[in-house]
Amino acid sequence: MAKTKTTYREAVRSALREALHSDPRVFLMGEDVGRFGGAFAVSHGLLEEFGPERVRDTPLSESTFLGAGIGAALNGIRPIVEIMTINFSLLALDQIVNNAAAIRYMSGGQVSIPVVVRMATGGGRQLGAQHAHSLEGWYAHIPGITVLTPATVADARGMLLAALDEPDPVFIFEHATLYPLEDEIDDDAGPATIGQAAVRRAGRAERRRGASRPQRAPHRPE
């Protein structure tokens, strides 16, 4: 199987390009995703390739454009919404918690919201307190949304492709220090499996599986 060396950033861009090519319902929207090519250069070149109807720059109003993405998804479109960093997603929490996560339940399962929301997370880039949080653990506690944190180059591509097949909201948190990470991925790699964890390295319990555990001496109170 042929492999190509690429970066985490380019793997996300490859998945975006494939989604835009293969499904006319898909469009990308967010702050600086068009002419600027994205705050982290992930969408560089996509505006020229697909035009402003498919790659849309938005105002600096997270609640507004995430709400627009939710509305588009309710009407059968497949929006990919980019929020520049995870901190700014807090400005859209009402849309996330009370709309994106809740409408399927509130409609008795009659309505789905196939929106994908991408954002950069994590610190270590010396950009100050408003660009340095890792809040994906918060989002994992919201019923009604799927939370993905791609850790490898293959994850970056495969998880985004998988997210676009989901009928409900998927939030993808991309650690900003991983964008230049390089690795080889299969040329024909498709969507990842997102319903179960991938064991990257076995822990003690995994290594001991199949072996009997040592017996502890009974506790004797003094």
N, C-alpha and C. Protein backbone atom coordinates (compact mmCIF):
# COMPACT_ATOMS: atom_id res chain seq x y z
N MET A 1 0.84 -1.19 0.00
CA MET A 1 0.00 0.00 0.00
C MET A 1 0.88 1.25 0.00
N ALA A 2 0.67 2.12 -0.96
CA ALA A 2 1.50 3.32 -1.09
C ALA A 2 1.22 4.30 0.04
N LYS A 3 2.28 4.95 0.48
CA LYS A 3 2.16 5.95 1.54
C LYS A 3 2.76 7.27 1.07
N THR A 4 2.26 8.36 1.63
CA THR A 4 2.77 9.69 1.32
C THR A 4 3.09 10.41 2.62
N LYS A 5 4.26 11.08 2.67
CA LYS A 5 4.62 11.86 3.84
C LYS A 5 3.93 13.22 3.77
N THR A 6 3.28 13.57 4.84
CA THR A 6 2.54 14.83 4.87
C THR A 6 2.53 15.36 6.29
N THR A 7 1.98 16.56 6.47
CA THR A 7 1.87 17.14 7.80
C THR A 7 0.43 17.04 8.30
N TYR A 8 0.28 17.24 9.58
CA TYR A 8 -1.04 17.25 10.21
C TYR A 8 -1.91 18.32 9.54
N ARG A 9 -1.34 19.51 9.32
CA ARG A 9 -2.07 20.60 8.67
C ARG A 9 -2.53 20.19 7.27
N GLU A 10 -1.62 19.61 6.50
CA GLU A 10 -1.96 19.21 5.13
C GLU A 10 -2.96 18.06 5.11
N ALA A 11 -2.92 17.22 6.13
CA ALA A 11 -3.88 16.11 6.20
C ALA A 11 -5.30 16.63 6.42
N VAL A 12 -5.44 17.66 7.27
CA VAL A 12 -6.76 18.27 7.46
C VAL A 12 -7.21 18.92 6.16
N ARG A 13 -6.31 19.65 5.50
CA ARG A 13 -6.64 20.31 4.23
C ARG A 13 -7.04 19.29 3.17
N SER A 14 -6.35 18.16 3.15
CA SER A 14 -6.68 17.09 2.19
C SER A 14 -8.10 16.57 2.42
N ALA A 15 -8.47 16.39 3.70
CA ALA A 15 -9.82 15.93 4.01
C ALA A 15 -10.86 16.98 3.63
N LEU A 16 -10.57 18.24 3.88
CA LEU A 16 -11.48 19.32 3.48
C LEU A 16 -11.67 19.33 1.97
N ARG A 17 -10.56 19.23 1.25
CA ARG A 17 -10.64 19.25 -0.22
C ARG A 17 -11.45 18.06 -0.74
N GLU A 18 -11.20 16.88 -0.18
CA GLU A 18 -11.94 15.69 -0.61
C GLU A 18 -13.43 15.84 -0.34
N ALA A 19 -13.77 16.38 0.84
CA ALA A 19 -15.18 16.56 1.18
C ALA A 19 -15.86 17.57 0.26
N LEU A 20 -15.18 18.66 -0.04
CA LEU A 20 -15.75 19.68 -0.92
C LEU A 20 -15.91 19.16 -2.35
N HIS A 21 -14.98 18.32 -2.79
CA HIS A 21 -15.08 17.73 -4.13
C HIS A 21 -16.21 16.72 -4.23
N SER A 22 -16.35 15.89 -3.19
CA SER A 22 -17.23 14.73 -3.30
C SER A 22 -18.69 15.01 -2.97
N ASP A 23 -18.96 16.10 -2.23
CA ASP A 23 -20.33 16.35 -1.79
C ASP A 23 -20.65 17.83 -1.97
N PRO A 24 -21.54 18.17 -2.90
CA PRO A 24 -21.87 19.59 -3.14
C PRO A 24 -22.57 20.25 -1.96
N ARG A 25 -23.03 19.47 -0.98
CA ARG A 25 -23.68 20.06 0.19
C ARG A 25 -22.67 20.60 1.20
N VAL A 26 -21.42 20.19 1.08
CA VAL A 26 -20.39 20.59 2.05
C VAL A 26 -19.90 22.00 1.75
N PHE A 27 -19.79 22.82 2.78
CA PHE A 27 -19.11 24.10 2.64
C PHE A 27 -18.38 24.41 3.94
N LEU A 28 -17.35 25.25 3.84
CA LEU A 28 -16.52 25.63 4.98
C LEU A 28 -16.81 27.08 5.32
N MET A 29 -16.96 27.37 6.61
CA MET A 29 -17.19 28.76 7.01
C MET A 29 -16.45 29.04 8.31
N GLY A 30 -16.02 30.30 8.47
CA GLY A 30 -15.33 30.68 9.70
C GLY A 30 -14.51 31.94 9.49
N GLU A 31 -13.86 32.38 10.54
CA GLU A 31 -13.07 33.60 10.50
C GLU A 31 -11.77 33.36 9.73
N ASP A 32 -11.56 34.13 8.66
CA ASP A 32 -10.31 34.11 7.88
C ASP A 32 -10.05 32.78 7.17
N VAL A 33 -11.08 31.97 6.95
CA VAL A 33 -10.84 30.69 6.27
C VAL A 33 -10.64 30.86 4.77
N GLY A 34 -11.08 32.00 4.22
CA GLY A 34 -11.03 32.21 2.77
C GLY A 34 -9.77 32.89 2.29
N ARG A 35 -9.81 34.18 2.14
CA ARG A 35 -8.69 34.91 1.55
C ARG A 35 -7.40 34.75 2.34
N PHE A 36 -7.49 34.69 3.66
CA PHE A 36 -6.30 34.55 4.49
C PHE A 36 -5.80 33.11 4.54
N GLY A 37 -6.67 32.16 4.22
CA GLY A 37 -6.27 30.76 4.23
C GLY A 37 -6.32 30.08 5.58
N GLY A 38 -6.99 30.71 6.54
CA GLY A 38 -7.11 30.12 7.87
C GLY A 38 -6.04 30.64 8.81
N ALA A 39 -6.39 30.80 10.08
CA ALA A 39 -5.44 31.30 11.07
C ALA A 39 -4.23 30.39 11.21
N PHE A 40 -4.38 29.12 10.90
CA PHE A 40 -3.28 28.16 10.97
C PHE A 40 -2.96 27.58 9.59
N ALA A 41 -3.40 28.30 8.54
CA ALA A 41 -3.10 27.96 7.13
C ALA A 41 -3.69 26.62 6.71
N VAL A 42 -4.69 26.14 7.41
CA VAL A 42 -5.29 24.84 7.06
C VAL A 42 -6.08 24.93 5.76
N SER A 43 -6.79 26.03 5.55
CA SER A 43 -7.64 26.15 4.35
C SER A 43 -6.97 26.92 3.22
N HIS A 44 -5.66 27.05 3.28
CA HIS A 44 -4.93 27.80 2.25
C HIS A 44 -5.20 27.22 0.86
N GLY A 45 -5.63 28.07 -0.08
CA GLY A 45 -5.86 27.66 -1.46
C GLY A 45 -7.25 27.15 -1.76
N LEU A 46 -8.06 26.90 -0.74
CA LEU A 46 -9.39 26.33 -0.99
C LEU A 46 -10.37 27.35 -1.57
N LEU A 47 -10.22 28.62 -1.19
CA LEU A 47 -11.10 29.65 -1.76
C LEU A 47 -10.89 29.74 -3.27
N GLU A 48 -9.65 29.74 -3.71
CA GLU A 48 -9.37 29.83 -5.15
C GLU A 48 -9.87 28.59 -5.88
N GLU A 49 -9.86 27.46 -5.20
CA GLU A 49 -10.26 26.21 -5.84
C GLU A 49 -11.78 26.03 -5.90
N PHE A 50 -12.48 26.48 -4.84
CA PHE A 50 -13.91 26.18 -4.74
C PHE A 50 -14.81 27.42 -4.76
N GLY A 51 -14.25 28.61 -4.60
CA GLY A 51 -15.04 29.83 -4.70
C GLY A 51 -15.68 30.23 -3.39
N PRO A 52 -16.20 31.47 -3.32
CA PRO A 52 -16.73 32.03 -2.07
C PRO A 52 -18.04 31.43 -1.59
N GLU A 53 -18.76 30.69 -2.44
CA GLU A 53 -19.99 30.04 -1.98
C GLU A 53 -19.68 28.80 -1.14
N ARG A 54 -18.52 28.20 -1.38
CA ARG A 54 -18.14 26.98 -0.66
C ARG A 54 -17.14 27.23 0.46
N VAL A 55 -16.42 28.34 0.39
CA VAL A 55 -15.43 28.70 1.41
C VAL A 55 -15.75 30.13 1.84
N ARG A 56 -16.41 30.29 2.98
CA ARG A 56 -17.02 31.56 3.36
C ARG A 56 -16.34 32.20 4.56
N ASP A 57 -15.82 33.40 4.38
CA ASP A 57 -15.34 34.18 5.51
C ASP A 57 -16.53 34.74 6.28
N THR A 58 -16.40 34.76 7.59
CA THR A 58 -17.50 35.23 8.44
C THR A 58 -17.05 36.42 9.29
N PRO A 59 -18.01 37.17 9.85
CA PRO A 59 -17.65 38.20 10.82
C PRO A 59 -17.08 37.58 12.10
N LEU A 60 -16.49 38.42 12.94
CA LEU A 60 -15.95 37.96 14.22
C LEU A 60 -17.09 37.84 15.22
N SER A 61 -17.93 36.84 15.02
CA SER A 61 -19.10 36.64 15.87
C SER A 61 -19.42 35.15 15.92
N GLU A 62 -18.77 34.46 16.86
CA GLU A 62 -18.86 33.00 16.90
C GLU A 62 -20.29 32.51 17.09
N SER A 63 -21.04 33.15 17.95
CA SER A 63 -22.42 32.73 18.17
C SER A 63 -23.24 32.83 16.89
N THR A 64 -22.99 33.89 16.12
CA THR A 64 -23.75 34.11 14.89
C THR A 64 -23.42 33.08 13.83
N PHE A 65 -22.12 32.88 13.55
CA PHE A 65 -21.83 31.98 12.43
C PHE A 65 -21.96 30.51 12.80
N LEU A 66 -21.81 30.17 14.08
CA LEU A 66 -22.11 28.78 14.46
C LEU A 66 -23.61 28.55 14.39
N GLY A 67 -24.39 29.55 14.79
CA GLY A 67 -25.84 29.44 14.64
C GLY A 67 -26.25 29.29 13.18
N ALA A 68 -25.56 30.01 12.29
CA ALA A 68 -25.84 29.86 10.85
C ALA A 68 -25.50 28.46 10.38
N GLY A 69 -24.40 27.89 10.91
CA GLY A 69 -24.05 26.52 10.55
C GLY A 69 -25.09 25.52 11.02
N ILE A 70 -25.61 25.72 12.22
CA ILE A 70 -26.66 24.85 12.74
C ILE A 70 -27.91 24.95 11.86
N GLY A 71 -28.26 26.17 11.49
CA GLY A 71 -29.42 26.35 10.62
C GLY A 71 -29.23 25.70 9.26
N ALA A 72 -28.03 25.81 8.70
CA ALA A 72 -27.76 25.16 7.42
C ALA A 72 -27.88 23.65 7.53
N ALA A 73 -27.35 23.09 8.62
CA ALA A 73 -27.42 21.65 8.83
C ALA A 73 -28.87 21.18 8.97
N LEU A 74 -29.68 21.98 9.66
CA LEU A 74 -31.10 21.64 9.81
C LEU A 74 -31.81 21.57 8.46
N ASN A 75 -31.27 22.29 7.47
CA ASN A 75 -31.89 22.34 6.15
C ASN A 75 -31.20 21.43 5.13
N GLY A 76 -30.42 20.46 5.63
CA GLY A 76 -29.86 19.43 4.75
C GLY A 76 -28.50 19.73 4.17
N ILE A 77 -27.86 20.85 4.57
CA ILE A 77 -26.52 21.17 4.10
C ILE A 77 -25.53 20.54 5.08
N ARG A 78 -24.24 20.39 4.65
CA ARG A 78 -23.22 19.79 5.50
C ARG A 78 -22.12 20.80 5.80
N PRO A 79 -22.37 21.74 6.72
CA PRO A 79 -21.37 22.77 7.01
C PRO A 79 -20.21 22.26 7.86
N ILE A 80 -19.04 22.77 7.56
CA ILE A 80 -17.86 22.60 8.42
C ILE A 80 -17.55 24.00 8.96
N VAL A 81 -17.73 24.19 10.26
CA VAL A 81 -17.55 25.50 10.88
C VAL A 81 -16.20 25.52 11.59
N GLU A 82 -15.36 26.48 11.24
CA GLU A 82 -14.07 26.63 11.91
C GLU A 82 -14.13 27.79 12.90
N ILE A 83 -13.86 27.49 14.16
CA ILE A 83 -13.69 28.52 15.19
C ILE A 83 -12.19 28.64 15.43
N MET A 84 -11.68 29.86 15.42
CA MET A 84 -10.23 30.06 15.38
C MET A 84 -9.50 29.35 16.51
N THR A 85 -9.91 29.56 17.76
CA THR A 85 -9.34 28.83 18.88
C THR A 85 -10.46 28.46 19.85
N ILE A 86 -10.18 27.48 20.67
CA ILE A 86 -11.20 26.93 21.56
C ILE A 86 -11.74 27.98 22.52
N ASN A 87 -10.91 28.95 22.91
CA ASN A 87 -11.37 29.98 23.84
C ASN A 87 -12.57 30.74 23.28
N PHE A 88 -12.53 31.04 21.99
CA PHE A 88 -13.59 31.83 21.38
C PHE A 88 -14.87 31.03 21.21
N SER A 89 -14.79 29.71 21.31
CA SER A 89 -16.02 28.90 21.24
C SER A 89 -16.92 29.17 22.44
N LEU A 90 -16.35 29.69 23.53
CA LEU A 90 -17.17 30.00 24.70
C LEU A 90 -18.21 31.06 24.38
N LEU A 91 -17.94 31.88 23.38
CA LEU A 91 -18.91 32.89 22.97
C LEU A 91 -20.13 32.28 22.28
N ALA A 92 -20.01 31.01 21.90
CA ALA A 92 -21.11 30.33 21.22
C ALA A 92 -21.70 29.20 22.05
N LEU A 93 -21.47 29.21 23.36
CA LEU A 93 -21.93 28.09 24.18
C LEU A 93 -23.44 27.92 24.16
N ASP A 94 -24.19 29.00 24.06
CA ASP A 94 -25.65 28.86 24.00
C ASP A 94 -26.05 28.09 22.75
N GLN A 95 -25.44 28.42 21.62
CA GLN A 95 -25.73 27.70 20.38
C GLN A 95 -25.33 26.22 20.50
N ILE A 96 -24.20 25.96 21.15
CA ILE A 96 -23.70 24.60 21.26
C ILE A 96 -24.57 23.75 22.18
N VAL A 97 -24.81 24.27 23.40
CA VAL A 97 -25.48 23.47 24.43
C VAL A 97 -26.99 23.42 24.21
N ASN A 98 -27.59 24.55 23.89
CA ASN A 98 -29.06 24.61 23.83
C ASN A 98 -29.64 24.37 22.44
N ASN A 99 -28.79 24.41 21.41
CA ASN A 99 -29.29 24.15 20.06
C ASN A 99 -28.64 22.92 19.42
N ALA A 100 -27.35 23.01 19.12
CA ALA A 100 -26.69 21.89 18.42
C ALA A 100 -26.86 20.58 19.17
N ALA A 101 -26.62 20.61 20.48
CA ALA A 101 -26.65 19.36 21.25
C ALA A 101 -28.05 18.89 21.60
N ALA A 102 -29.03 19.79 21.57
CA ALA A 102 -30.34 19.47 22.16
C ALA A 102 -31.47 19.26 21.17
N ILE A 103 -31.32 19.75 19.93
CA ILE A 103 -32.49 19.77 19.03
C ILE A 103 -32.96 18.37 18.67
N ARG A 104 -32.05 17.41 18.47
CA ARG A 104 -32.52 16.05 18.17
C ARG A 104 -33.40 15.53 19.30
N TYR A 105 -32.96 15.71 20.54
CA TYR A 105 -33.75 15.25 21.69
C TYR A 105 -35.07 16.00 21.78
N MET A 106 -34.99 17.33 21.61
CA MET A 106 -36.19 18.14 21.77
C MET A 106 -37.21 17.89 20.67
N SER A 107 -36.74 17.38 19.52
CA SER A 107 -37.66 17.09 18.42
C SER A 107 -38.14 15.64 18.44
N GLY A 108 -37.77 14.91 19.49
CA GLY A 108 -38.16 13.50 19.55
C GLY A 108 -37.50 12.66 18.49
N GLY A 109 -36.28 13.04 18.11
CA GLY A 109 -35.53 12.27 17.10
C GLY A 109 -35.92 12.57 15.67
N GLN A 110 -36.78 13.56 15.45
CA GLN A 110 -37.23 13.85 14.10
C GLN A 110 -36.22 14.69 13.30
N VAL A 111 -35.35 15.41 14.00
CA VAL A 111 -34.45 16.35 13.35
C VAL A 111 -33.01 16.02 13.73
N SER A 112 -32.13 16.03 12.75
CA SER A 112 -30.71 15.85 13.02
C SER A 112 -29.95 17.09 12.58
N ILE A 113 -28.78 17.28 13.14
CA ILE A 113 -27.95 18.46 12.84
C ILE A 113 -26.56 17.99 12.45
N PRO A 114 -26.33 17.67 11.18
CA PRO A 114 -25.02 17.16 10.75
C PRO A 114 -23.99 18.27 10.53
N VAL A 115 -23.64 18.96 11.61
CA VAL A 115 -22.65 20.03 11.53
C VAL A 115 -21.33 19.54 12.12
N VAL A 116 -20.23 19.90 11.48
CA VAL A 116 -18.89 19.60 12.00
C VAL A 116 -18.25 20.92 12.41
N VAL A 117 -17.76 20.98 13.64
CA VAL A 117 -17.13 22.19 14.16
C VAL A 117 -15.67 21.88 14.48
N ARG A 118 -14.76 22.59 13.83
CA ARG A 118 -13.32 22.42 14.05
C ARG A 118 -12.77 23.63 14.81
N MET A 119 -11.81 23.37 15.69
CA MET A 119 -11.15 24.49 16.35
C MET A 119 -9.79 24.05 16.87
N ALA A 120 -8.87 25.02 16.97
CA ALA A 120 -7.55 24.76 17.55
C ALA A 120 -7.64 24.82 19.06
N THR A 121 -6.86 23.97 19.73
CA THR A 121 -6.86 23.91 21.18
C THR A 121 -5.42 23.86 21.67
N GLY A 122 -5.24 24.03 22.98
CA GLY A 122 -3.93 23.83 23.59
C GLY A 122 -3.06 25.06 23.69
N GLY A 123 -2.13 25.00 24.63
CA GLY A 123 -1.20 26.10 24.86
C GLY A 123 0.18 25.78 24.31
N GLY A 124 1.18 26.47 24.86
CA GLY A 124 2.56 26.23 24.46
C GLY A 124 3.03 27.04 23.28
N ARG A 125 2.25 28.06 22.87
CA ARG A 125 2.63 28.85 21.70
C ARG A 125 2.91 30.31 22.03
N GLN A 126 2.92 30.63 23.33
CA GLN A 126 3.26 31.98 23.82
C GLN A 126 2.35 33.06 23.22
N LEU A 127 1.04 32.74 23.14
CA LEU A 127 0.08 33.68 22.58
C LEU A 127 -0.86 34.26 23.62
N GLY A 128 -0.58 34.04 24.88
CA GLY A 128 -1.39 34.66 25.91
C GLY A 128 -2.53 33.78 26.38
N ALA A 129 -3.18 34.24 27.45
CA ALA A 129 -4.17 33.41 28.14
C ALA A 129 -5.41 33.13 27.31
N GLN A 130 -5.78 34.03 26.40
CA GLN A 130 -7.00 33.81 25.62
C GLN A 130 -6.80 32.90 24.41
N HIS A 131 -5.61 32.33 24.26
CA HIS A 131 -5.35 31.41 23.15
C HIS A 131 -4.68 30.13 23.65
N ALA A 132 -4.89 29.77 24.91
CA ALA A 132 -4.05 28.72 25.47
C ALA A 132 -4.80 27.68 26.29
N HIS A 133 -6.10 27.58 26.15
CA HIS A 133 -6.85 26.62 26.95
C HIS A 133 -7.01 25.27 26.24
N SER A 134 -7.29 24.27 27.03
CA SER A 134 -7.64 22.93 26.51
C SER A 134 -8.95 22.54 27.18
N LEU A 135 -10.05 22.89 26.55
CA LEU A 135 -11.36 22.73 27.16
C LEU A 135 -12.14 21.54 26.58
N GLU A 136 -11.46 20.70 25.80
CA GLU A 136 -12.19 19.58 25.18
C GLU A 136 -12.82 18.66 26.22
N GLY A 137 -12.22 18.59 27.43
CA GLY A 137 -12.82 17.80 28.50
C GLY A 137 -14.18 18.34 28.91
N TRP A 138 -14.33 19.67 28.88
CA TRP A 138 -15.65 20.26 29.16
C TRP A 138 -16.67 19.77 28.13
N TYR A 139 -16.29 19.86 26.87
CA TYR A 139 -17.23 19.52 25.80
C TYR A 139 -17.60 18.04 25.82
N ALA A 140 -16.72 17.20 26.31
CA ALA A 140 -17.02 15.76 26.37
C ALA A 140 -18.16 15.46 27.33
N HIS A 141 -18.51 16.42 28.19
CA HIS A 141 -19.60 16.22 29.15
C HIS A 141 -20.93 16.76 28.65
N ILE A 142 -20.99 17.21 27.40
CA ILE A 142 -22.25 17.73 26.86
C ILE A 142 -22.96 16.61 26.10
N PRO A 143 -24.10 16.13 26.59
CA PRO A 143 -24.83 15.10 25.85
C PRO A 143 -25.30 15.65 24.51
N GLY A 144 -25.20 14.83 23.47
CA GLY A 144 -25.72 15.22 22.17
C GLY A 144 -24.68 15.61 21.15
N ILE A 145 -23.41 15.73 21.57
CA ILE A 145 -22.35 16.02 20.61
C ILE A 145 -21.26 14.95 20.73
N THR A 146 -20.55 14.74 19.64
CA THR A 146 -19.39 13.85 19.62
C THR A 146 -18.13 14.70 19.66
N VAL A 147 -17.17 14.33 20.50
CA VAL A 147 -15.93 15.07 20.66
C VAL A 147 -14.77 14.23 20.14
N LEU A 148 -13.98 14.79 19.23
CA LEU A 148 -12.82 14.10 18.67
C LEU A 148 -11.57 14.95 18.90
N THR A 149 -10.46 14.29 19.25
CA THR A 149 -9.18 14.98 19.43
C THR A 149 -8.11 14.24 18.65
N PRO A 150 -7.96 14.52 17.37
CA PRO A 150 -6.98 13.80 16.54
C PRO A 150 -5.56 14.02 17.03
N ALA A 151 -4.85 12.93 17.27
CA ALA A 151 -3.50 13.00 17.85
C ALA A 151 -2.40 12.76 16.83
N THR A 152 -2.73 12.16 15.68
CA THR A 152 -1.74 11.82 14.67
C THR A 152 -2.13 12.42 13.33
N VAL A 153 -1.21 12.37 12.38
CA VAL A 153 -1.50 12.87 11.03
C VAL A 153 -2.65 12.07 10.41
N ALA A 154 -2.63 10.76 10.59
CA ALA A 154 -3.71 9.93 10.05
C ALA A 154 -5.04 10.27 10.71
N ASP A 155 -5.02 10.52 12.01
CA ASP A 155 -6.24 10.94 12.71
C ASP A 155 -6.80 12.23 12.13
N ALA A 156 -5.90 13.17 11.85
CA ALA A 156 -6.33 14.49 11.39
C ALA A 156 -7.16 14.39 10.12
N ARG A 157 -6.77 13.50 9.24
CA ARG A 157 -7.53 13.30 8.00
C ARG A 157 -8.74 12.39 8.22
N GLY A 158 -8.50 11.24 8.82
CA GLY A 158 -9.55 10.23 8.93
C GLY A 158 -10.70 10.63 9.81
N MET A 159 -10.43 11.36 10.90
CA MET A 159 -11.51 11.76 11.80
C MET A 159 -12.41 12.81 11.17
N LEU A 160 -11.84 13.71 10.39
CA LEU A 160 -12.67 14.71 9.72
C LEU A 160 -13.57 14.05 8.68
N LEU A 161 -13.04 13.11 7.92
CA LEU A 161 -13.86 12.40 6.94
C LEU A 161 -14.98 11.63 7.63
N ALA A 162 -14.65 10.99 8.76
CA ALA A 162 -15.66 10.24 9.51
C ALA A 162 -16.73 11.16 10.07
N ALA A 163 -16.32 12.32 10.55
CA ALA A 163 -17.27 13.27 11.13
C ALA A 163 -18.33 13.69 10.13
N LEU A 164 -17.95 13.78 8.86
CA LEU A 164 -18.89 14.22 7.83
C LEU A 164 -19.93 13.15 7.50
N ASP A 165 -19.73 11.94 8.01
CA ASP A 165 -20.74 10.89 7.82
C ASP A 165 -21.72 10.81 8.99
N GLU A 166 -21.48 11.60 10.02
CA GLU A 166 -22.31 11.52 11.22
C GLU A 166 -23.58 12.37 11.07
N PRO A 167 -24.69 11.90 11.60
CA PRO A 167 -25.94 12.66 11.50
C PRO A 167 -26.10 13.73 12.57
N ASP A 168 -25.21 13.73 13.56
CA ASP A 168 -25.32 14.66 14.68
C ASP A 168 -24.03 15.48 14.80
N PRO A 169 -24.04 16.53 15.62
CA PRO A 169 -22.89 17.43 15.70
C PRO A 169 -21.60 16.73 16.15
N VAL A 170 -20.52 17.04 15.46
CA VAL A 170 -19.20 16.53 15.82
C VAL A 170 -18.27 17.72 16.02
N PHE A 171 -17.58 17.75 17.16
CA PHE A 171 -16.63 18.81 17.47
C PHE A 171 -15.22 18.22 17.43
N ILE A 172 -14.36 18.81 16.60
CA ILE A 172 -13.00 18.31 16.43
C ILE A 172 -12.04 19.34 17.01
N PHE A 173 -11.22 18.90 17.96
CA PHE A 173 -10.26 19.78 18.63
C PHE A 173 -8.85 19.41 18.16
N GLU A 174 -8.25 20.30 17.40
CA GLU A 174 -6.92 20.07 16.82
C GLU A 174 -5.88 20.85 17.64
N HIS A 175 -4.96 20.13 18.28
CA HIS A 175 -3.96 20.83 19.08
C HIS A 175 -3.04 21.63 18.16
N ALA A 176 -2.93 22.92 18.43
CA ALA A 176 -2.24 23.83 17.50
C ALA A 176 -0.77 23.49 17.31
N THR A 177 -0.13 22.89 18.30
CA THR A 177 1.29 22.56 18.14
C THR A 177 1.50 21.34 17.25
N LEU A 178 0.42 20.64 16.90
CA LEU A 178 0.55 19.46 16.04
C LEU A 178 0.52 19.79 14.55
N TYR A 179 0.12 21.00 14.16
CA TYR A 179 -0.05 21.30 12.74
C TYR A 179 1.19 21.02 11.90
N PRO A 180 2.42 21.29 12.37
CA PRO A 180 3.58 20.97 11.55
C PRO A 180 4.07 19.53 11.67
N LEU A 181 3.42 18.72 12.51
CA LEU A 181 3.82 17.32 12.68
C LEU A 181 3.81 16.58 11.35
N GLU A 182 4.86 15.80 11.06
CA GLU A 182 4.96 15.05 9.81
C GLU A 182 4.87 13.55 10.08
N ASP A 183 4.26 12.84 9.13
CA ASP A 183 4.18 11.38 9.19
C ASP A 183 3.72 10.88 7.84
N GLU A 184 3.82 9.57 7.64
CA GLU A 184 3.32 8.95 6.42
C GLU A 184 1.91 8.42 6.65
N ILE A 185 1.05 8.62 5.65
CA ILE A 185 -0.30 8.04 5.72
C ILE A 185 -0.58 7.31 4.41
N ASP A 186 -1.47 6.35 4.47
CA ASP A 186 -1.83 5.58 3.28
C ASP A 186 -2.51 6.48 2.26
N ASP A 187 -2.15 6.34 1.00
CA ASP A 187 -2.72 7.18 -0.05
C ASP A 187 -4.23 6.99 -0.19
N ASP A 188 -4.71 5.79 0.11
CA ASP A 188 -6.14 5.53 -0.05
C ASP A 188 -6.86 5.44 1.30
N ALA A 189 -6.28 6.09 2.32
CA ALA A 189 -6.89 6.04 3.65
C ALA A 189 -8.25 6.71 3.63
N GLY A 190 -9.23 6.03 4.19
CA GLY A 190 -10.58 6.57 4.24
C GLY A 190 -10.91 7.09 5.63
N PRO A 191 -12.18 7.16 5.96
CA PRO A 191 -12.60 7.66 7.28
C PRO A 191 -12.07 6.78 8.41
N ALA A 192 -11.79 7.40 9.53
CA ALA A 192 -11.38 6.66 10.73
C ALA A 192 -12.59 6.04 11.39
N THR A 193 -12.33 5.12 12.29
CA THR A 193 -13.39 4.57 13.15
C THR A 193 -13.45 5.42 14.41
N ILE A 194 -14.57 6.10 14.63
CA ILE A 194 -14.64 7.05 15.74
C ILE A 194 -15.53 6.57 16.88
N GLY A 195 -16.05 5.37 16.79
CA GLY A 195 -16.92 4.87 17.86
C GLY A 195 -16.18 4.16 18.97
N GLN A 196 -14.85 4.00 18.82
CA GLN A 196 -14.08 3.30 19.84
C GLN A 196 -12.68 3.89 19.91
N ALA A 197 -12.03 3.72 21.04
CA ALA A 197 -10.70 4.29 21.23
C ALA A 197 -9.66 3.44 20.50
N ALA A 198 -8.61 4.11 20.02
CA ALA A 198 -7.45 3.43 19.44
C ALA A 198 -6.38 3.31 20.53
N VAL A 199 -5.91 2.10 20.78
CA VAL A 199 -4.87 1.90 21.80
C VAL A 199 -3.52 2.17 21.16
N ARG A 200 -2.93 3.32 21.46
CA ARG A 200 -1.64 3.70 20.91
C ARG A 200 -0.49 3.00 21.63
N ARG A 201 -0.66 2.84 22.94
CA ARG A 201 0.36 2.17 23.74
C ARG A 201 -0.32 1.52 24.92
N ALA A 202 -0.07 0.24 25.09
CA ALA A 202 -0.75 -0.50 26.14
C ALA A 202 -0.25 -0.07 27.51
N GLY A 203 -1.18 0.07 28.45
CA GLY A 203 -0.82 0.37 29.83
C GLY A 203 -0.60 -0.91 30.62
N ARG A 204 -0.45 -0.78 31.93
CA ARG A 204 -0.15 -1.94 32.75
C ARG A 204 -1.22 -3.01 32.66
N ALA A 205 -2.49 -2.60 32.72
CA ALA A 205 -3.58 -3.57 32.69
C ALA A 205 -3.56 -4.35 31.38
N GLU A 206 -3.27 -3.64 30.28
CA GLU A 206 -3.25 -4.31 28.97
C GLU A 206 -2.08 -5.28 28.88
N ARG A 207 -0.93 -4.91 29.41
CA ARG A 207 0.24 -5.78 29.35
C ARG A 207 0.08 -7.01 30.21
N ARG A 208 -0.67 -6.87 31.30
CA ARG A 208 -0.85 -7.99 32.22
C ARG A 208 -2.02 -8.89 31.84
N ARG A 209 -2.76 -8.49 30.82
CA ARG A 209 -3.95 -9.27 30.46
C ARG A 209 -3.55 -10.72 30.16
N GLY A 210 -4.27 -11.64 30.75
CA GLY A 210 -3.98 -13.05 30.55
C GLY A 210 -3.08 -13.61 31.64
N ALA A 211 -2.41 -12.76 32.40
CA ALA A 211 -1.56 -13.22 33.49
C ALA A 211 -2.30 -13.05 34.81
N SER A 212 -2.05 -13.96 35.73
CA SER A 212 -2.73 -13.87 37.02
C SER A 212 -2.13 -12.74 37.83
N ARG A 213 -2.97 -12.06 38.57
CA ARG A 213 -2.52 -10.96 39.40
C ARG A 213 -1.94 -11.50 40.70
N PRO A 214 -0.89 -10.85 41.22
CA PRO A 214 -0.35 -11.30 42.51
C PRO A 214 -1.35 -11.12 43.63
N GLN A 215 -1.38 -12.09 44.54
CA GLN A 215 -2.31 -12.03 45.66
C GLN A 215 -1.78 -11.10 46.74
N ARG A 216 -2.66 -10.27 47.26
CA ARG A 216 -2.27 -9.36 48.34
C ARG A 216 -2.46 -10.06 49.70
N ALA A 217 -1.58 -9.73 50.62
CA ALA A 217 -1.73 -10.28 51.97
C ALA A 217 -2.95 -9.65 52.62
N PRO A 218 -3.69 -10.41 53.38
CA PRO A 218 -4.89 -9.84 54.03
C PRO A 218 -4.51 -8.72 54.97
N HIS A 219 -5.36 -7.71 55.02
CA HIS A 219 -5.10 -6.57 55.88
C HIS A 219 -5.41 -6.94 57.33
N ARG A 220 -4.46 -6.65 58.19
CA ARG A 220 -4.65 -6.93 59.61
C ARG A 220 -4.62 -5.62 60.37
N PRO A 221 -5.71 -5.26 61.00
CA PRO A 221 -5.71 -4.01 61.77
C PRO A 221 -4.72 -4.09 62.92
N GLU A 222 -4.08 -2.97 63.18
CA GLU A 222 -3.12 -2.91 64.30
C GLU A 222 -3.86 -3.01 65.64
